[in-house]
Structure formats: C-alpha cells, structure tokens
Amino acid sequence: MVMVHGDDKGLVLPPKVASVQVIVIPVPYKDADTQGIFDACSETAEELNKAGFRAETDLRDNYSPGWKYSNWELKGVPLRIEIGPKDMQNQQVRVVRRDNGAKEDILRTNLVDHIKDLLDNVQQSLFDAAKQKRDACVVVAKTWEEFTKALNEKRMILAPWCDEEEVERDVKARTKGEMGACKTLCTPFEQPELPEGTLCFASGKPAKKWTYWGRSY
C-alpha cells in the first residue's frame, strides 16, 4: 500500500484504512478571532465524528498552518479541512484532497454529505489508478522466450502452467540472477479461458491453469 499509493510528499492512505480520515486545521491571520476559529475547528471535527467519520483537529499553536499541512500530508490523511476568518464569515470550510491536491470550498450546511462523497471518490480514484498501473505492467507469455523477454523488462507475467512444484523450482533455477529468481506470485480466481491443448510455458506439458509470475524486487 505504501509503495503503490505513496508519493514524494509521503503516505497516501485510502480512506477505508486511514486511522484519521479528515484533519481539521485552523488558519488564523493576524488580528483574527483565533479562539473563534479554534472553536469552529473543534465543532467541525465533532460533527464529522458524530456522522461516523474519523476526524481530528490540529490546534497546536507552536506550528504554522503550512507546517501542519506538510506534516499531515506526510502521514497520508485523505482530506484536510482549513478554516480561516473568511471561511468563518462565509459559513464554509476549505477541503483539500491528499491524493491529487484538489481544493474546494464547502458550505457548512452540506459538510457531512460532501465529505462522504469526497472520501468515496478518493477511495475509488486510488483503486482505479493502482489497477491501471498494475494492468500496464502485466504481460501474457505463452512461451519461454516471451516469458524471459517480459521478465527482463521487469514485468509481471501471466502464463499457462502445468501446476507442478518441480517445474517452478526449475524456473527459479533458470532465472536466478543479480535481481533474484522468478517465482509464482498468485493464481487468479477468475481464470482466463485456457484452450484445450495449451502447453505450459516452461515444461511443455499440458497446462492446467493461468498463474502470475515475477521477481520480488
């Protein structure tokens, strides 16, 4: 999860597994009603927690808002809510997504519904992006030549296999190198069609199923 979703700023956590889904940060300017802003942050987090979300506030007064943004981005919190004097005046909050940095202003009256929709969207977007990256790395190989070519390109390989441990041990021995040996990764539950007469890419014996292969880097 860390490797698939993370970026140069740190973790990017899917909302369903994030211990904190929403962090609420006050943005008080000079001469602003700081206590009023702090109270609004606490009320916002309380409202979200009552609605079933995992929300927290960061009311520490020894760090700047910018420092807090970076700190919570590092931790991968899916959504950040900022509340400043203008937001108080307009009865709104600013919401920032961790996955793509998109910002939008939301009226307090629509907060709970909008946060739910945003978290659902973040979850689906992360899944879709990860699946797209994975699918782009998968190569179907039916022969040893196709298999070794894809392996040298650091791809994950879907290949017909006779399902014999001895053959897997042989593949490991034949592919052993500086980057490690190739091995079976998993067998998909939803099997692609395996036409009659399909042969194992490694042994030439009749294939019994499709299996993913690759190196663990």
C-alpha atoms as a PDB file:
ATOM      1  CA  MET A   1       0.000   0.000   0.000  1.00  0.00           C
ATOM      2  CA  VAL A   2       2.829   2.397   0.867  1.00  0.00           C
ATOM      3  CA  MET A   3       4.657   1.709  -2.395  1.00  0.00           C
ATOM      4  CA  VAL A   4       1.579   1.694  -4.623  1.00  0.00           C
ATOM      5  CA  HIS A   5      -0.091   4.904  -3.420  1.00  0.00           C
ATOM      6  CA  GLY A   6       2.712   6.938  -1.803  1.00  0.00           C
ATOM      7  CA  ASP A   7       4.304   9.966  -3.469  1.00  0.00           C
ATOM      8  CA  ASP A   8       7.165  12.408  -2.847  1.00  0.00           C
ATOM      9  CA  LYS A   9       5.203  14.067  -0.028  1.00  0.00           C
ATOM     10  CA  GLY A  10       4.781  10.832   1.947  1.00  0.00           C
ATOM     11  CA  LEU A  11       1.976   8.359   2.535  1.00  0.00           C
ATOM     12  CA  VAL A  12      -1.299   8.423   0.632  1.00  0.00           C
ATOM     13  CA  LEU A  13      -3.821   6.344   2.574  1.00  0.00           C
ATOM     14  CA  PRO A  14      -7.125   5.009   1.213  1.00  0.00           C
ATOM     15  CA  PRO A  15      -9.932   6.390   3.406  1.00  0.00           C
ATOM     16  CA  LYS A  16     -11.182   2.933   4.426  1.00  0.00           C
ATOM     17  CA  VAL A  17      -7.913   2.090   6.197  1.00  0.00           C
ATOM     18  CA  ALA A  18      -6.799   5.565   7.321  1.00  0.00           C
ATOM     19  CA  SER A  19      -6.844   5.922  11.126  1.00  0.00           C
ATOM     20  CA  VAL A  20      -7.552   9.632  10.562  1.00  0.00           C
ATOM     21  CA  GLN A  21      -9.744  10.357   7.536  1.00  0.00           C
ATOM     22  CA  VAL A  22     -10.092  14.120   7.983  1.00  0.00           C
ATOM     23  CA  ILE A  23      -7.749  16.562   9.713  1.00  0.00           C
ATOM     24  CA  VAL A  24      -9.152  19.999  10.594  1.00  0.00           C
ATOM     25  CA  ILE A  25      -6.586  22.823  10.722  1.00  0.00           C
ATOM     26  CA  PRO A  26      -7.185  26.426  11.839  1.00  0.00           C
ATOM     27  CA  VAL A  27      -5.715  29.190   9.679  1.00  0.00           C
ATOM     28  CA  PRO A  28      -5.782  32.301  11.866  1.00  0.00           C
ATOM     29  CA  TYR A  29      -4.424  35.513  10.359  1.00  0.00           C
ATOM     30  CA  LYS A  30      -3.104  38.454  12.327  1.00  0.00           C
ATOM     31  CA  ASP A  31      -5.783  40.149  14.452  1.00  0.00           C
ATOM     32  CA  ALA A  32      -8.235  37.325  13.643  1.00  0.00           C
ATOM     33  CA  ASP A  33     -10.584  35.793  16.216  1.00  0.00           C
ATOM     34  CA  THR A  34      -8.224  32.888  16.885  1.00  0.00           C
ATOM     35  CA  GLN A  35     -10.335  31.328  19.608  1.00  0.00           C
ATOM     36  CA  GLY A  36     -13.433  31.542  17.423  1.00  0.00           C
ATOM     37  CA  ILE A  37     -11.583  29.762  14.617  1.00  0.00           C
ATOM     38  CA  PHE A  38     -10.330  27.090  17.037  1.00  0.00           C
ATOM     39  CA  ASP A  39     -13.894  26.571  18.283  1.00  0.00           C
ATOM     40  CA  ALA A  40     -15.158  26.228  14.707  1.00  0.00           C
ATOM     41  CA  CYS A  41     -12.480  23.581  14.024  1.00  0.00           C
ATOM     42  CA  SER A  42     -13.482  21.614  17.114  1.00  0.00           C
ATOM     43  CA  GLU A  43     -17.170  21.831  16.208  1.00  0.00           C
ATOM     44  CA  THR A  44     -16.427  20.670  12.649  1.00  0.00           C
ATOM     45  CA  ALA A  45     -14.437  17.644  13.823  1.00  0.00           C
ATOM     46  CA  GLU A  46     -17.133  16.785  16.370  1.00  0.00           C
ATOM     47  CA  GLU A  47     -19.847  16.977  13.705  1.00  0.00           C
ATOM     48  CA  LEU A  48     -17.891  14.666  11.418  1.00  0.00           C
ATOM     49  CA  ASN A  49     -17.128  12.192  14.204  1.00  0.00           C
ATOM     50  CA  LYS A  50     -20.807  12.042  15.133  1.00  0.00           C
ATOM     51  CA  ALA A  51     -21.562  11.272  11.488  1.00  0.00           C
ATOM     52  CA  GLY A  52     -19.217   8.265  11.631  1.00  0.00           C
ATOM     53  CA  PHE A  53     -16.022   9.700  10.166  1.00  0.00           C
ATOM     54  CA  ARG A  54     -12.607   9.580  11.835  1.00  0.00           C
ATOM     55  CA  ALA A  55     -11.741  13.261  12.208  1.00  0.00           C
ATOM     56  CA  GLU A  56      -9.225  15.143  14.349  1.00  0.00           C
ATOM     57  CA  THR A  57      -8.129  18.748  14.873  1.00  0.00           C
ATOM     58  CA  ASP A  58      -4.608  20.150  14.994  1.00  0.00           C
ATOM     59  CA  LEU A  59      -4.839  23.120  17.345  1.00  0.00           C
ATOM     60  CA  ARG A  60      -1.140  23.280  18.216  1.00  0.00           C
ATOM     61  CA  ASP A  61      -0.141  26.939  18.411  1.00  0.00           C
ATOM     62  CA  ASN A  62       3.613  26.406  18.100  1.00  0.00           C
ATOM     63  CA  TYR A  63       3.439  25.382  14.429  1.00  0.00           C
ATOM     64  CA  SER A  64       2.346  27.373  11.380  1.00  0.00           C
ATOM     65  CA  PRO A  65      -0.568  26.189   9.200  1.00  0.00           C
ATOM     66  CA  GLY A  66       1.866  25.448   6.358  1.00  0.00           C
ATOM     67  CA  TRP A  67       3.955  23.218   8.596  1.00  0.00           C
ATOM     68  CA  LYS A  68       0.836  21.364   9.688  1.00  0.00           C
ATOM     69  CA  TYR A  69      -0.236  20.848   6.057  1.00  0.00           C
ATOM     70  CA  SER A  70       3.069  19.170   5.248  1.00  0.00           C
ATOM     71  CA  ASN A  71       3.018  17.131   8.450  1.00  0.00           C
ATOM     72  CA  TRP A  72      -0.412  15.645   7.788  1.00  0.00           C
ATOM     73  CA  GLU A  73       0.339  15.128   4.095  1.00  0.00           C
ATOM     74  CA  LEU A  74       3.355  13.099   5.203  1.00  0.00           C
ATOM     75  CA  LYS A  75       1.016  10.937   7.287  1.00  0.00           C
ATOM     76  CA  GLY A  76      -1.293  10.383   4.323  1.00  0.00           C
ATOM     77  CA  VAL A  77      -4.565  11.715   5.764  1.00  0.00           C
ATOM     78  CA  PRO A  78      -7.092  11.633   2.864  1.00  0.00           C
ATOM     79  CA  LEU A  79      -8.772  15.021   3.462  1.00  0.00           C
ATOM     80  CA  ARG A  80      -7.672  18.274   5.070  1.00  0.00           C
ATOM     81  CA  ILE A  81     -10.137  20.937   6.164  1.00  0.00           C
ATOM     82  CA  GLU A  82      -8.888  24.508   6.586  1.00  0.00           C
ATOM     83  CA  ILE A  83     -10.848  27.135   8.478  1.00  0.00           C
ATOM     84  CA  GLY A  84      -9.818  30.791   8.438  1.00  0.00           C
ATOM     85  CA  PRO A  85     -11.523  34.182   9.016  1.00  0.00           C
ATOM     86  CA  LYS A  86     -13.059  34.310   5.518  1.00  0.00           C
ATOM     87  CA  ASP A  87     -14.412  30.789   5.921  1.00  0.00           C
ATOM     88  CA  MET A  88     -15.998  31.797   9.217  1.00  0.00           C
ATOM     89  CA  GLN A  89     -17.535  34.840   7.565  1.00  0.00           C
ATOM     90  CA  ASN A  90     -18.921  32.805   4.649  1.00  0.00           C
ATOM     91  CA  GLN A  91     -20.040  29.839   6.767  1.00  0.00           C
ATOM     92  CA  GLN A  92     -17.855  27.474   4.778  1.00  0.00           C
ATOM     93  CA  VAL A  93     -14.696  25.371   5.009  1.00  0.00           C
ATOM     94  CA  ARG A  94     -11.951  24.679   2.511  1.00  0.00           C
ATOM     95  CA  VAL A  95     -11.311  20.984   1.765  1.00  0.00           C
ATOM     96  CA  VAL A  96      -8.078  19.722   0.214  1.00  0.00           C
ATOM     97  CA  ARG A  97      -7.605  16.188  -1.133  1.00  0.00           C
ATOM     98  CA  ARG A  98      -4.377  14.340  -0.340  1.00  0.00           C
ATOM     99  CA  ASP A  99      -4.417  12.181  -3.474  1.00  0.00           C
ATOM    100  CA  ASN A 100      -4.483  14.956  -6.093  1.00  0.00           C
ATOM    101  CA  GLY A 101      -4.287  18.252  -4.156  1.00  0.00           C
ATOM    102  CA  ALA A 102      -7.667  19.471  -5.417  1.00  0.00           C
ATOM    103  CA  LYS A 103      -9.245  22.236  -3.307  1.00  0.00           C
ATOM    104  CA  GLU A 104     -12.847  23.292  -2.929  1.00  0.00           C
ATOM    105  CA  ASP A 105     -14.957  25.412  -0.609  1.00  0.00           C
ATOM    106  CA  ILE A 106     -17.936  23.679   1.015  1.00  0.00           C
ATOM    107  CA  LEU A 107     -20.833  25.284   2.867  1.00  0.00           C
ATOM    108  CA  ARG A 108     -21.122  24.131   6.467  1.00  0.00           C
ATOM    109  CA  THR A 109     -24.735  23.085   5.855  1.00  0.00           C
ATOM    110  CA  ASN A 110     -23.624  20.494   3.247  1.00  0.00           C
ATOM    111  CA  LEU A 111     -20.494  19.360   5.066  1.00  0.00           C
ATOM    112  CA  VAL A 112     -21.320  15.778   6.087  1.00  0.00           C
ATOM    113  CA  ASP A 113     -22.793  14.708   2.747  1.00  0.00           C
ATOM    114  CA  HIS A 114     -19.995  16.356   0.799  1.00  0.00           C
ATOM    115  CA  ILE A 115     -17.250  14.776   2.913  1.00  0.00           C
ATOM    116  CA  LYS A 116     -18.832  11.331   2.428  1.00  0.00           C
ATOM    117  CA  ASP A 117     -18.905  11.817  -1.342  1.00  0.00           C
ATOM    118  CA  LEU A 118     -15.310  13.062  -1.368  1.00  0.00           C
ATOM    119  CA  LEU A 119     -13.989  10.147   0.692  1.00  0.00           C
ATOM    120  CA  ASP A 120     -15.817   7.673  -1.561  1.00  0.00           C
ATOM    121  CA  ASN A 121     -14.317   9.392  -4.590  1.00  0.00           C
ATOM    122  CA  VAL A 122     -10.797   9.341  -3.147  1.00  0.00           C
ATOM    123  CA  GLN A 123     -11.134   5.620  -2.359  1.00  0.00           C
ATOM    124  CA  GLN A 124     -12.298   4.798  -5.892  1.00  0.00           C
ATOM    125  CA  SER A 125      -9.729   7.064  -7.548  1.00  0.00           C
ATOM    126  CA  LEU A 126      -6.847   5.434  -5.678  1.00  0.00           C
ATOM    127  CA  PHE A 127      -8.132   1.974  -6.577  1.00  0.00           C
ATOM    128  CA  ASP A 128      -8.583   2.856 -10.257  1.00  0.00           C
ATOM    129  CA  ALA A 129      -5.110   4.428 -10.504  1.00  0.00           C
ATOM    130  CA  ALA A 130      -3.461   1.435  -8.809  1.00  0.00           C
ATOM    131  CA  LYS A 131      -5.315  -1.047 -11.020  1.00  0.00           C
ATOM    132  CA  GLN A 132      -4.344   0.886 -14.138  1.00  0.00           C
ATOM    133  CA  LYS A 133      -0.668   0.857 -13.109  1.00  0.00           C
ATOM    134  CA  ARG A 134      -0.795  -2.857 -12.335  1.00  0.00           C
ATOM    135  CA  ASP A 135      -2.558  -3.794 -15.568  1.00  0.00           C
ATOM    136  CA  ALA A 136       0.006  -1.792 -17.545  1.00  0.00           C
ATOM    137  CA  CYS A 137       2.752  -3.981 -16.033  1.00  0.00           C
ATOM    138  CA  VAL A 138       1.138  -7.338 -16.858  1.00  0.00           C
ATOM    139  CA  VAL A 139       2.257  -9.279 -19.941  1.00  0.00           C
ATOM    140  CA  VAL A 140       0.775 -12.551 -21.195  1.00  0.00           C
ATOM    141  CA  ALA A 141       3.508 -15.033 -22.145  1.00  0.00           C
ATOM    142  CA  LYS A 142       2.881 -18.474 -23.666  1.00  0.00           C
ATOM    143  CA  THR A 143       6.457 -19.481 -24.459  1.00  0.00           C
ATOM    144  CA  TRP A 144       9.756 -19.451 -22.590  1.00  0.00           C
ATOM    145  CA  GLU A 145      11.122 -16.821 -24.977  1.00  0.00           C
ATOM    146  CA  GLU A 146       8.169 -14.488 -24.357  1.00  0.00           C
ATOM    147  CA  PHE A 147       8.477 -15.170 -20.633  1.00  0.00           C
ATOM    148  CA  THR A 148      12.183 -14.282 -20.338  1.00  0.00           C
ATOM    149  CA  LYS A 149      11.751 -11.181 -22.516  1.00  0.00           C
ATOM    150  CA  ALA A 150       8.964  -9.868 -20.261  1.00  0.00           C
ATOM    151  CA  LEU A 151      10.923 -10.806 -17.150  1.00  0.00           C
ATOM    152  CA  ASN A 152      13.932  -8.793 -18.288  1.00  0.00           C
ATOM    153  CA  GLU A 153      11.591  -5.830 -18.791  1.00  0.00           C
ATOM    154  CA  LYS A 154      10.556  -6.153 -15.108  1.00  0.00           C
ATOM    155  CA  ARG A 155       7.002  -7.084 -15.958  1.00  0.00           C
ATOM    156  CA  MET A 156       4.517  -9.263 -14.101  1.00  0.00           C
ATOM    157  CA  ILE A 157       3.734 -12.243 -16.296  1.00  0.00           C
ATOM    158  CA  LEU A 158       0.531 -14.222 -16.731  1.00  0.00           C
ATOM    159  CA  ALA A 159       1.449 -17.609 -18.165  1.00  0.00           C
ATOM    160  CA  PRO A 160      -0.108 -21.070 -18.629  1.00  0.00           C
ATOM    161  CA  TRP A 161       1.414 -23.508 -16.125  1.00  0.00           C
ATOM    162  CA  CYS A 162       1.284 -27.240 -15.519  1.00  0.00           C
ATOM    163  CA  ASP A 163       0.992 -26.601 -11.759  1.00  0.00           C
ATOM    164  CA  GLU A 164       3.975 -28.757 -10.771  1.00  0.00           C
ATOM    165  CA  GLU A 165       6.312 -27.653  -7.977  1.00  0.00           C
ATOM    166  CA  GLU A 166       9.299 -29.217  -9.687  1.00  0.00           C
ATOM    167  CA  VAL A 167       8.724 -27.022 -12.733  1.00  0.00           C
ATOM    168  CA  GLU A 168       8.542 -23.925 -10.544  1.00  0.00           C
ATOM    169  CA  ARG A 169      11.849 -24.892  -8.905  1.00  0.00           C
ATOM    170  CA  ASP A 170      13.323 -25.286 -12.375  1.00  0.00           C
ATOM    171  CA  VAL A 171      12.072 -21.803 -13.384  1.00  0.00           C
ATOM    172  CA  LYS A 172      13.662 -20.340 -10.247  1.00  0.00           C
ATOM    173  CA  ALA A 173      16.974 -22.011 -11.067  1.00  0.00           C
ATOM    174  CA  ARG A 174      16.930 -20.882 -14.709  1.00  0.00           C
ATOM    175  CA  THR A 175      16.080 -17.262 -13.892  1.00  0.00           C
ATOM    176  CA  LYS A 176      18.327 -16.797 -10.889  1.00  0.00           C
ATOM    177  CA  GLY A 177      20.441 -13.657 -11.227  1.00  0.00           C
ATOM    178  CA  GLU A 178      21.505 -10.435  -9.575  1.00  0.00           C
ATOM    179  CA  MET A 179      17.888  -9.301  -9.222  1.00  0.00           C
ATOM    180  CA  GLY A 180      16.689 -12.598  -7.746  1.00  0.00           C
ATOM    181  CA  ALA A 181      14.871 -15.598  -9.130  1.00  0.00           C
ATOM    182  CA  CYS A 182      11.414 -15.577 -10.671  1.00  0.00           C
ATOM    183  CA  LYS A 183       8.608 -17.398  -8.879  1.00  0.00           C
ATOM    184  CA  THR A 184       4.853 -17.789  -8.869  1.00  0.00           C
ATOM    185  CA  LEU A 185       3.068 -14.813  -7.330  1.00  0.00           C
ATOM    186  CA  CYS A 186      -0.556 -15.917  -7.275  1.00  0.00           C
ATOM    187  CA  THR A 187      -3.239 -17.684  -9.270  1.00  0.00           C
ATOM    188  CA  PRO A 188      -6.227 -15.528 -10.242  1.00  0.00           C
ATOM    189  CA  PHE A 189      -9.601 -16.765  -9.039  1.00  0.00           C
ATOM    190  CA  GLU A 190     -11.169 -15.569 -12.286  1.00  0.00           C
ATOM    191  CA  GLN A 191      -9.230 -17.704 -14.753  1.00  0.00           C
ATOM    192  CA  PRO A 192      -8.899 -16.603 -18.370  1.00  0.00           C
ATOM    193  CA  GLU A 193     -10.004 -19.188 -20.900  1.00  0.00           C
ATOM    194  CA  LEU A 194      -7.452 -21.994 -21.249  1.00  0.00           C
ATOM    195  CA  PRO A 195      -7.957 -23.570 -24.703  1.00  0.00           C
ATOM    196  CA  GLU A 196      -7.558 -27.325 -24.936  1.00  0.00           C
ATOM    197  CA  GLY A 197      -4.035 -28.243 -25.928  1.00  0.00           C
ATOM    198  CA  THR A 198      -2.413 -25.192 -24.298  1.00  0.00           C
ATOM    199  CA  LEU A 199       1.068 -26.093 -23.075  1.00  0.00           C
ATOM    200  CA  CYS A 200       2.989 -24.948 -20.012  1.00  0.00           C
ATOM    201  CA  PHE A 201       5.365 -22.138 -20.950  1.00  0.00           C
ATOM    202  CA  ALA A 202       8.244 -23.761 -19.014  1.00  0.00           C
ATOM    203  CA  SER A 203       7.857 -27.539 -19.278  1.00  0.00           C
ATOM    204  CA  GLY A 204       5.874 -28.085 -22.460  1.00  0.00           C
ATOM    205  CA  LYS A 205       3.437 -30.292 -20.528  1.00  0.00           C
ATOM    206  CA  PRO A 206      -0.324 -29.712 -20.742  1.00  0.00           C
ATOM    207  CA  ALA A 207      -1.195 -26.514 -18.850  1.00  0.00           C
ATOM    208  CA  LYS A 208      -3.700 -26.722 -16.011  1.00  0.00           C
ATOM    209  CA  LYS A 209      -4.182 -23.043 -15.182  1.00  0.00           C
ATOM    210  CA  TRP A 210      -3.012 -19.463 -15.661  1.00  0.00           C
ATOM    211  CA  THR A 211      -0.651 -18.124 -12.985  1.00  0.00           C
ATOM    212  CA  TYR A 212       1.117 -14.837 -12.345  1.00  0.00           C
ATOM    213  CA  TRP A 213       4.918 -14.907 -12.220  1.00  0.00           C
ATOM    214  CA  GLY A 214       7.517 -12.301 -11.380  1.00  0.00           C
ATOM    215  CA  ARG A 215      10.527 -11.252  -9.361  1.00  0.00           C
ATOM    216  CA  SER A 216      10.170  -9.706  -5.909  1.00  0.00           C
ATOM    217  CA  TYR A 217      12.415  -6.639  -6.043  1.00  0.00           C
END
